[in-house]
Protein backbone atom coordinates (compact mmCIF):
# COMPACT_ATOMS: atom_id res chain seq x y z
CA MET A 1 60.07 -70.94 -61.62
CA ALA A 2 57.31 -70.80 -64.08
CA SER A 3 54.76 -70.10 -61.69
CA ALA A 4 56.69 -67.40 -59.87
CA PHE A 5 57.11 -65.90 -63.63
CA SER A 6 53.29 -66.06 -64.15
CA SER A 7 52.82 -63.42 -61.18
CA PHE A 8 54.17 -61.01 -64.09
CA ARG A 9 51.81 -59.23 -66.40
CA TYR A 10 53.85 -61.06 -69.15
CA GLY A 11 54.85 -63.82 -66.95
CA ASP A 12 53.48 -66.88 -69.20
CA SER A 13 55.01 -65.21 -72.52
CA LEU A 14 58.78 -64.92 -71.19
CA VAL A 15 58.36 -68.47 -69.94
CA VAL A 16 57.47 -69.90 -73.30
CA ILE A 17 59.91 -68.01 -75.13
CA GLY A 18 62.52 -68.63 -72.39
CA ILE A 19 61.63 -72.67 -73.16
CA SER A 20 61.75 -72.27 -76.88
CA ILE A 21 65.35 -70.33 -76.50
CA PHE A 22 66.64 -73.29 -74.32
CA THR A 23 65.31 -75.74 -76.57
CA ALA A 24 66.85 -74.01 -79.48
CA PHE A 25 70.63 -74.53 -78.15
CA LEU A 26 69.56 -77.78 -76.68
CA CYS A 27 68.70 -79.23 -80.42
CA GLU A 28 71.76 -77.69 -81.87
CA GLY A 29 73.98 -79.17 -79.35
CA ILE A 30 72.47 -82.69 -79.82
CA SER A 31 72.77 -82.07 -83.80
CA TRP A 32 76.53 -81.01 -83.05
CA ILE A 33 77.45 -84.12 -81.40
CA LEU A 34 75.70 -86.33 -83.68
CA ILE A 35 76.25 -84.79 -86.68
CA TYR A 36 77.93 -81.46 -87.08
CA ARG A 37 81.38 -82.48 -85.53
CA THR A 38 81.81 -85.76 -87.72
CA SER A 39 84.03 -85.83 -90.60
CA THR A 40 81.49 -87.30 -93.02
CA TYR A 41 79.16 -83.88 -92.25
CA LYS A 42 82.10 -81.69 -93.09
CA SER A 43 83.32 -83.34 -95.89
CA LEU A 44 79.74 -83.38 -97.43
CA ARG A 45 78.95 -80.12 -96.62
CA SER A 46 82.45 -79.05 -98.56
CA THR A 47 81.54 -81.31 -101.54
CA ILE A 48 78.22 -79.43 -101.88
CA ASP A 49 79.83 -75.83 -101.36
CA ARG A 50 82.44 -76.31 -104.04
CA ALA A 51 80.17 -77.91 -106.30
CA SER A 52 77.40 -75.19 -105.92
CA LYS A 53 80.20 -72.65 -106.73
CA LYS A 54 81.31 -74.36 -109.88
CA LEU A 55 77.67 -74.58 -111.03
CA GLU A 56 77.32 -70.91 -110.41
CA SER A 57 80.35 -70.26 -112.39
CA MET A 58 79.60 -72.56 -115.13
CA LYS A 59 75.77 -71.09 -115.47
CA SER A 60 77.14 -67.45 -115.26
CA PRO A 61 76.71 -65.45 -118.58
CA SER A 62 79.83 -63.89 -118.11
CA THR A 63 81.58 -67.33 -118.25
CA SER A 64 79.74 -68.95 -120.84
CA SER A 65 80.34 -66.00 -123.19
CA ALA A 66 83.72 -66.17 -122.97
CA SER A 67 84.06 -69.82 -123.35
CA ASP A 68 81.75 -70.00 -126.35
CA GLY A 69 83.99 -66.81 -128.03
CA SER A 70 87.01 -68.80 -127.46
CA ALA A 71 86.07 -72.05 -128.95
CA ALA A 72 83.73 -70.40 -131.74
CA ALA A 73 86.45 -70.86 -134.55
CA LEU A 74 87.15 -74.60 -133.27
CA HIS A 75 84.23 -76.29 -132.51
CA PRO A 76 80.55 -76.20 -134.55
CA ALA A 77 77.93 -74.23 -131.95
CA GLY A 78 75.89 -77.44 -131.44
CA ARG A 79 79.30 -79.30 -130.19
CA ARG A 80 80.23 -76.46 -127.95
CA THR A 81 76.44 -75.91 -126.27
CA SER A 82 76.35 -80.06 -125.82
CA SER A 83 79.51 -80.26 -124.24
CA ARG A 84 78.85 -77.14 -121.83
CA VAL A 85 75.16 -78.97 -120.96
CA LYS A 86 76.74 -82.42 -120.56
CA LYS A 87 79.37 -80.70 -118.06
CA ILE A 88 76.57 -78.84 -115.98
CA ASP A 89 74.62 -82.04 -116.07
CA ARG A 90 77.42 -84.27 -114.35
CA VAL A 91 77.98 -81.08 -111.78
CA GLU A 92 74.36 -81.21 -110.80
CA THR A 93 73.93 -84.64 -110.35
CA SER A 94 77.10 -84.76 -108.09
CA LEU A 95 75.58 -81.81 -106.08
CA LYS A 96 71.77 -83.82 -105.74
CA SER A 97 73.80 -87.01 -104.81
CA SER A 98 75.82 -85.19 -102.27
CA THR A 99 72.95 -83.23 -100.87
CA ARG A 100 70.95 -86.57 -100.70
CA ASP A 101 73.77 -88.03 -98.49
CA LEU A 102 73.66 -85.03 -96.35
CA SER A 103 70.08 -85.29 -95.63
CA LEU A 104 70.42 -89.00 -94.90
CA SER A 105 73.27 -88.05 -92.51
CA LYS A 106 70.99 -85.87 -90.58
CA PHE A 107 68.37 -88.66 -89.97
CA LYS A 108 69.80 -89.78 -86.81
CA SER A 109 70.23 -86.31 -85.22
CA GLY A 110 66.83 -85.31 -86.39
CA PHE A 111 64.96 -88.27 -84.83
CA VAL A 112 66.50 -87.45 -81.41
CA VAL A 113 65.91 -83.77 -81.68
CA ALA A 114 61.99 -84.74 -82.66
CA VAL A 115 61.79 -86.86 -79.84
CA VAL A 116 63.03 -83.82 -77.62
CA LEU A 117 60.56 -81.28 -78.88
CA PHE A 118 57.85 -83.71 -78.61
CA VAL A 119 58.31 -84.18 -74.71
CA ILE A 120 58.97 -80.66 -74.11
CA PHE A 121 56.29 -79.65 -76.36
CA GLY A 122 53.76 -82.13 -73.91
CA LEU A 123 55.21 -80.22 -70.79
CA LEU A 124 54.50 -76.85 -71.82
CA ASN A 125 50.81 -78.37 -73.29
CA SER A 126 50.08 -79.34 -69.85
CA MET A 127 51.43 -76.24 -67.97
CA PHE A 128 49.59 -73.97 -70.19
CA GLU A 129 46.38 -75.74 -71.15
CA GLY A 130 43.51 -73.60 -72.08
CA ARG A 131 45.27 -70.57 -70.91
CA ALA A 132 46.14 -67.54 -73.07
CA VAL A 133 49.90 -66.94 -72.92
CA ALA A 134 50.28 -63.66 -74.76
CA LYS A 135 48.31 -60.94 -76.69
CA LEU A 136 48.08 -60.54 -80.26
CA PRO A 137 48.27 -56.84 -81.52
CA PHE A 138 45.29 -57.52 -84.03
CA SER A 139 42.89 -59.78 -84.72
CA PRO A 140 44.21 -62.74 -86.91
CA VAL A 141 42.82 -63.78 -90.28
CA SER A 142 40.07 -66.74 -89.90
CA PHE A 143 43.04 -69.71 -90.74
CA VAL A 144 45.44 -68.16 -88.70
CA LEU A 145 42.92 -67.75 -85.89
CA LYS A 146 42.36 -71.19 -85.77
CA MET A 147 46.05 -72.06 -84.77
CA SER A 148 46.40 -68.64 -82.59
CA HIS A 149 43.35 -69.39 -80.50
CA ARG A 150 43.38 -73.13 -80.62
CA GLY A 151 42.47 -74.78 -76.94
CA ILE A 152 41.71 -71.57 -75.22
CA ARG A 153 39.09 -70.40 -73.27
CA GLY A 154 36.92 -67.46 -74.21
CA ASP A 155 36.30 -65.66 -77.48
CA ASP A 156 38.77 -62.91 -77.74
CA PRO A 157 40.66 -63.21 -80.87
CA THR A 158 43.37 -61.55 -79.66
CA ASP A 159 44.58 -64.07 -77.28
CA CYS A 160 47.32 -66.25 -78.51
CA SER A 161 47.81 -69.78 -77.30
CA MET A 162 51.01 -71.55 -76.05
CA ALA A 163 51.29 -73.87 -78.93
CA PHE A 164 51.18 -70.75 -81.49
CA LEU A 165 53.98 -68.37 -79.45
CA TYR A 166 56.04 -71.56 -79.34
CA PHE A 167 55.85 -72.38 -82.90
CA LEU A 168 56.73 -68.81 -83.65
CA CYS A 169 59.58 -68.68 -81.46
CA SER A 170 61.09 -72.16 -82.31
CA ILE A 171 61.21 -71.42 -86.23
CA SER A 172 62.64 -67.77 -85.74
CA ILE A 173 64.89 -68.57 -82.90
CA ARG A 174 66.42 -71.68 -84.44
CA THR A 175 66.78 -70.67 -87.67
CA ASN A 176 68.91 -67.45 -86.54
CA LEU A 177 70.84 -69.83 -84.17
CA GLN A 178 71.67 -72.00 -86.97
CA LYS A 179 73.36 -69.18 -89.00
CA PHE A 180 75.04 -67.74 -85.93
CA LEU A 181 76.66 -70.71 -85.46
CA GLY A 182 77.30 -71.63 -89.10
CA PHE A 183 75.27 -75.01 -88.82
CA ALA A 184 72.64 -73.85 -91.58
CA PRO A 185 72.48 -75.75 -94.64
CA PRO A 186 74.68 -75.31 -97.46
CA ARG A 187 73.67 -72.95 -99.96
CA GLY A 188 73.57 -75.79 -102.71
CA ALA A 189 71.59 -78.39 -100.26
CA ALA A 190 68.50 -75.47 -99.93
CA GLY A 191 65.35 -77.28 -100.75
CA ALA A 192 67.21 -80.50 -100.48
CA GLY A 193 65.38 -83.47 -98.64
CA PHE A 194 64.74 -86.88 -99.26
CA PHE A 195 62.12 -86.26 -101.54
CA PRO A 196 63.94 -83.96 -104.16
CA MET A 197 62.17 -82.04 -106.88
CA PRO A 198 62.46 -84.00 -110.29
CA ASP A 199 64.46 -82.93 -112.76
CA PRO A 200 62.56 -81.24 -115.75
CA LYS A 201 65.56 -82.07 -118.17
CA THR A 202 64.43 -86.19 -117.33
CA ASN A 203 61.31 -85.63 -118.46
């Protein structure tokens, strides 16, 4: 089938894009089987969503102003501030813990998906080795050119390699597919991972 598509002007590009779409659905299917449908994932996601909304509410200026105003006659300013900071810290700690657990729960799925992507990329690499699969509408800057023209014969800077096109398609297609299917990371888990950023308040 790939050889038949290659006879068209944009055949190679369509093959790479088509395989990228298929790979995105396959990876999300694997993730759904191993992770998204489990009760552990659903519970952690729900906990993160609730904690994120609570944290936003606690940090919003309107909430803090109302809280400070209602307690102004009963508590000193220092005690009010200290109590509010402690509550925010507790919610942030809970959110970080749940986010870390969510990242760990996705490790198994991530490993299987990585293996699938490695196999498919190797297959594509053998199919399009040394060939340009698309034409860029401009000459890219030097550091992009090293990626877009890698492994291609010739000196035309507008030639696009399979690896570069596949990389761009995989990022855009899978990201939008996750949003469409509702599998995107929870709002409060943005930027979370196995190596979270240190909390400046602990320094």
